[in-house]
């Protein structure tokens, strides 16, 4: 199997003991929390529930990094997936750039949904929620996001910043554009639309 080191996996003692890996070592995938990351290894480890097969990722810098384990059997259920396609990325950008009627979520409810969606990595849902936030007069895609909120909203600001980074990093990779360019493009669109509401 290309990219899969069989030496890291013991012989099965009974059929179905280990799930067949969907992803391969070296492949770039989208992790629901960490965003785009590359699979470093597929290995067997005991992390409190007996030996299981895991994808492992190294997150962080070369000086400070953390090893992240994701169960092979639960990877899809947890939201690990391949990056969106170019067509999907273009559709997501269009969602962000299109103004529609406010779906009725309160500001607080919108933030709560954004927080939950960041845990699933669903970029389509996240884009719609961010659009809803913009329709309420917020423009979190700007370069100086801190200027958009008073001090007591810094937690909300941090959440929106995470959401923007999660969206634009994957969109930028797929569309071969700088995340900053995409951010500015969406910000410019929304500052005009919010101003004319």
Protein backbone atom coordinates (compact mmCIF):
# COMPACT_ATOMS: atom_id res chain seq x y z
CA UNK A 1 0.00 0.00 0.00
CA UNK A 2 1.67 3.31 -1.07
CA UNK A 3 2.83 5.46 1.81
CA UNK A 4 1.77 2.97 4.47
CA UNK A 5 4.51 1.44 6.59
CA UNK A 6 3.35 -2.08 7.33
CA UNK A 7 6.17 -2.48 9.85
CA UNK A 8 4.29 -0.17 12.23
CA UNK A 9 1.23 -2.44 12.27
CA UNK A 10 1.26 -5.82 14.03
CA UNK A 11 -0.30 -8.85 12.41
CA UNK A 12 -4.04 -9.00 13.14
CA UNK A 13 -4.93 -11.56 15.76
CA UNK A 14 -8.54 -11.69 14.60
CA UNK A 15 -10.41 -10.37 11.54
CA UNK A 16 -11.38 -6.70 11.71
CA UNK A 17 -9.17 -5.88 14.68
CA UNK A 18 -7.79 -2.80 12.93
CA UNK A 19 -9.66 -0.57 10.50
CA UNK A 20 -8.25 -0.18 7.01
CA UNK A 21 -6.68 3.30 6.73
CA UNK A 22 -8.58 5.68 4.45
CA UNK A 23 -5.65 8.13 4.29
CA UNK A 24 -1.99 7.45 3.66
CA UNK A 25 1.26 8.64 5.22
CA UNK A 26 2.33 11.94 3.67
CA UNK A 27 -1.16 12.94 2.54
CA UNK A 28 -2.48 16.39 3.34
CA UNK A 29 -5.83 16.29 5.13
CA UNK A 30 -8.11 18.76 6.87
CA UNK A 31 -8.37 18.21 10.63
CA UNK A 32 -11.58 19.70 12.11
CA UNK A 33 -9.69 21.59 14.83
CA UNK A 34 -6.15 22.03 13.52
CA UNK A 35 -6.96 22.70 9.88
CA UNK A 36 -4.67 21.49 7.12
CA UNK A 37 -2.01 19.06 8.30
CA UNK A 38 0.02 16.21 6.90
CA UNK A 39 -0.12 12.63 8.17
CA UNK A 40 3.29 11.83 9.62
CA UNK A 41 2.72 8.19 10.45
CA UNK A 42 0.12 5.45 10.85
CA UNK A 43 0.91 3.48 13.98
CA UNK A 44 -0.50 1.30 16.72
CA UNK A 45 -0.68 2.91 20.15
CA UNK A 46 -2.39 2.31 23.47
CA UNK A 47 -3.93 5.59 24.64
CA UNK A 48 -6.12 4.22 27.40
CA UNK A 49 -8.36 1.94 25.32
CA UNK A 50 -5.96 -0.82 24.31
CA UNK A 51 -4.00 -1.08 21.08
CA UNK A 52 -5.60 0.87 18.25
CA UNK A 53 -4.46 2.11 14.87
CA UNK A 54 -3.89 5.88 14.75
CA UNK A 55 -3.02 8.59 12.30
CA UNK A 56 -0.40 10.85 13.86
CA UNK A 57 0.27 14.48 13.05
CA UNK A 58 3.03 16.76 14.30
CA UNK A 59 1.61 20.20 15.04
CA UNK A 60 3.54 23.38 15.77
CA UNK A 61 7.05 24.57 14.94
CA UNK A 62 10.29 22.63 14.67
CA UNK A 63 11.29 23.80 18.15
CA UNK A 64 7.96 23.26 19.89
CA UNK A 65 5.58 20.66 18.53
CA UNK A 66 2.87 18.33 19.74
CA UNK A 67 1.97 14.87 18.51
CA UNK A 68 -1.73 14.55 17.71
CA UNK A 69 -3.35 11.11 17.50
CA UNK A 70 -6.56 10.43 15.58
CA UNK A 71 -8.10 6.97 15.61
CA UNK A 72 -8.21 5.45 12.12
CA UNK A 73 -11.58 3.90 12.93
CA UNK A 74 -13.08 7.24 14.02
CA UNK A 75 -11.29 9.65 11.69
CA UNK A 76 -14.21 10.24 9.30
CA UNK A 77 -16.69 10.47 12.17
CA UNK A 78 -14.47 13.07 13.85
CA UNK A 79 -14.36 15.14 10.67
CA UNK A 80 -10.92 14.35 9.23
CA UNK A 81 -11.25 14.70 5.45
CA UNK A 82 -9.42 15.63 2.30
CA UNK A 83 -9.23 19.38 1.58
CA UNK A 84 -12.19 20.82 -0.33
CA UNK A 85 -11.96 20.81 -4.13
CA UNK A 86 -11.31 23.95 -6.17
CA UNK A 87 -14.99 24.09 -7.21
CA UNK A 88 -16.09 23.73 -3.58
CA UNK A 89 -13.64 26.45 -2.52
CA UNK A 90 -15.06 28.80 -5.14
CA UNK A 91 -18.58 28.02 -3.90
CA UNK A 92 -17.54 28.82 -0.32
CA UNK A 93 -16.05 32.16 -1.37
CA UNK A 94 -19.29 32.93 -3.22
CA UNK A 95 -21.26 32.19 -0.05
CA UNK A 96 -19.09 34.66 1.84
CA UNK A 97 -19.49 37.32 -0.83
CA UNK A 98 -23.26 36.98 -1.23
CA UNK A 99 -25.67 38.96 0.94
CA UNK A 100 -28.93 37.23 1.92
CA UNK A 101 -31.58 37.89 4.53
CA UNK A 102 -30.42 37.51 8.12
CA UNK A 103 -31.42 33.96 9.19
CA UNK A 104 -32.63 35.29 12.54
CA UNK A 105 -29.83 34.11 14.79
CA UNK A 106 -28.96 36.48 17.60
CA UNK A 107 -25.37 37.67 17.80
CA UNK A 108 -24.68 35.36 20.76
CA UNK A 109 -26.36 32.37 19.09
CA UNK A 110 -24.35 33.01 15.94
CA UNK A 111 -21.09 32.97 17.92
CA UNK A 112 -22.09 29.75 19.68
CA UNK A 113 -22.80 28.09 16.35
CA UNK A 114 -19.48 29.30 14.94
CA UNK A 115 -17.70 27.78 17.95
CA UNK A 116 -19.46 24.42 17.44
CA UNK A 117 -18.82 24.42 13.70
CA UNK A 118 -15.11 25.02 14.23
CA UNK A 119 -15.08 21.64 15.99
CA UNK A 120 -16.52 19.89 12.92
CA UNK A 121 -14.48 21.63 10.22
CA UNK A 122 -17.55 22.10 7.96
CA UNK A 123 -16.41 25.04 5.83
CA UNK A 124 -19.77 25.48 4.09
CA UNK A 125 -21.62 25.84 7.40
CA UNK A 126 -18.86 28.04 8.80
CA UNK A 127 -19.01 30.34 5.77
CA UNK A 128 -22.78 30.79 6.17
CA UNK A 129 -22.40 31.60 9.86
CA UNK A 130 -19.61 34.08 9.18
CA UNK A 131 -21.82 35.69 6.54
CA UNK A 132 -24.54 35.98 9.18
CA UNK A 133 -22.05 37.68 11.51
CA UNK A 134 -21.21 40.13 8.73
CA UNK A 135 -24.89 40.84 8.11
CA UNK A 136 -25.11 41.98 11.72
CA UNK A 137 -22.63 44.73 11.01
CA UNK A 138 -19.39 42.97 11.90
CA UNK A 139 -16.54 42.73 9.40
CA UNK A 140 -14.13 40.18 10.93
CA UNK A 141 -12.19 39.68 7.69
CA UNK A 142 -10.31 42.96 8.06
CA UNK A 143 -6.61 43.28 8.74
CA UNK A 144 -7.15 45.21 11.99
CA UNK A 145 -9.80 43.01 13.55
CA UNK A 146 -9.11 44.35 17.04
CA UNK A 147 -10.57 47.71 16.02
CA UNK A 148 -13.98 46.16 15.41
CA UNK A 149 -14.68 45.28 19.05
CA UNK A 150 -14.47 46.94 22.46
CA UNK A 151 -12.20 45.32 25.06
CA UNK A 152 -14.99 43.24 26.63
CA UNK A 153 -15.48 41.41 23.32
CA UNK A 154 -11.93 40.12 23.01
CA UNK A 155 -13.06 36.52 23.47
CA UNK A 156 -15.55 36.93 20.64
CA UNK A 157 -12.86 38.57 18.55
CA UNK A 158 -10.52 35.62 19.14
CA UNK A 159 -13.25 33.18 18.07
CA UNK A 160 -13.96 35.09 14.87
CA UNK A 161 -10.26 35.37 14.14
CA UNK A 162 -9.93 31.58 14.45
CA UNK A 163 -12.89 31.12 12.11
CA UNK A 164 -11.40 33.50 9.54
CA UNK A 165 -8.03 31.75 9.70
CA UNK A 166 -9.64 28.32 9.40
CA UNK A 167 -11.60 29.40 6.32
CA UNK A 168 -8.94 31.39 4.52
CA UNK A 169 -6.05 28.98 5.14
CA UNK A 170 -7.80 26.08 3.40
CA UNK A 171 -9.37 28.28 0.72
CA UNK A 172 -6.00 29.89 0.06
CA UNK A 173 -4.28 26.52 -0.29
CA UNK A 174 -6.90 25.12 -2.67
CA UNK A 175 -7.27 28.28 -4.77
CA UNK A 176 -3.50 28.90 -4.74
CA UNK A 177 -3.99 32.38 -3.33
CA UNK A 178 -2.62 34.02 -0.22
CA UNK A 179 -5.03 33.75 2.75
CA UNK A 180 -4.41 37.47 3.25
CA UNK A 181 -5.56 38.24 -0.29
CA UNK A 182 -8.75 36.24 0.21
CA UNK A 183 -9.33 37.97 3.56
CA UNK A 184 -8.98 41.42 1.99
CA UNK A 185 -11.22 40.47 -0.92
CA UNK A 186 -14.04 39.34 1.38
CA UNK A 187 -13.49 42.26 3.75
CA UNK A 188 -13.78 44.75 0.90
CA UNK A 189 -17.02 43.13 -0.26
CA UNK A 190 -18.57 43.16 3.19
CA UNK A 191 -17.60 46.68 4.20
CA UNK A 192 -19.49 47.89 1.12
CA UNK A 193 -22.55 45.71 1.77
CA UNK A 194 -22.76 46.50 5.48
CA UNK A 195 -22.45 50.22 4.73
CA UNK A 196 -25.44 50.06 2.36
CA UNK A 197 -27.77 48.11 4.66
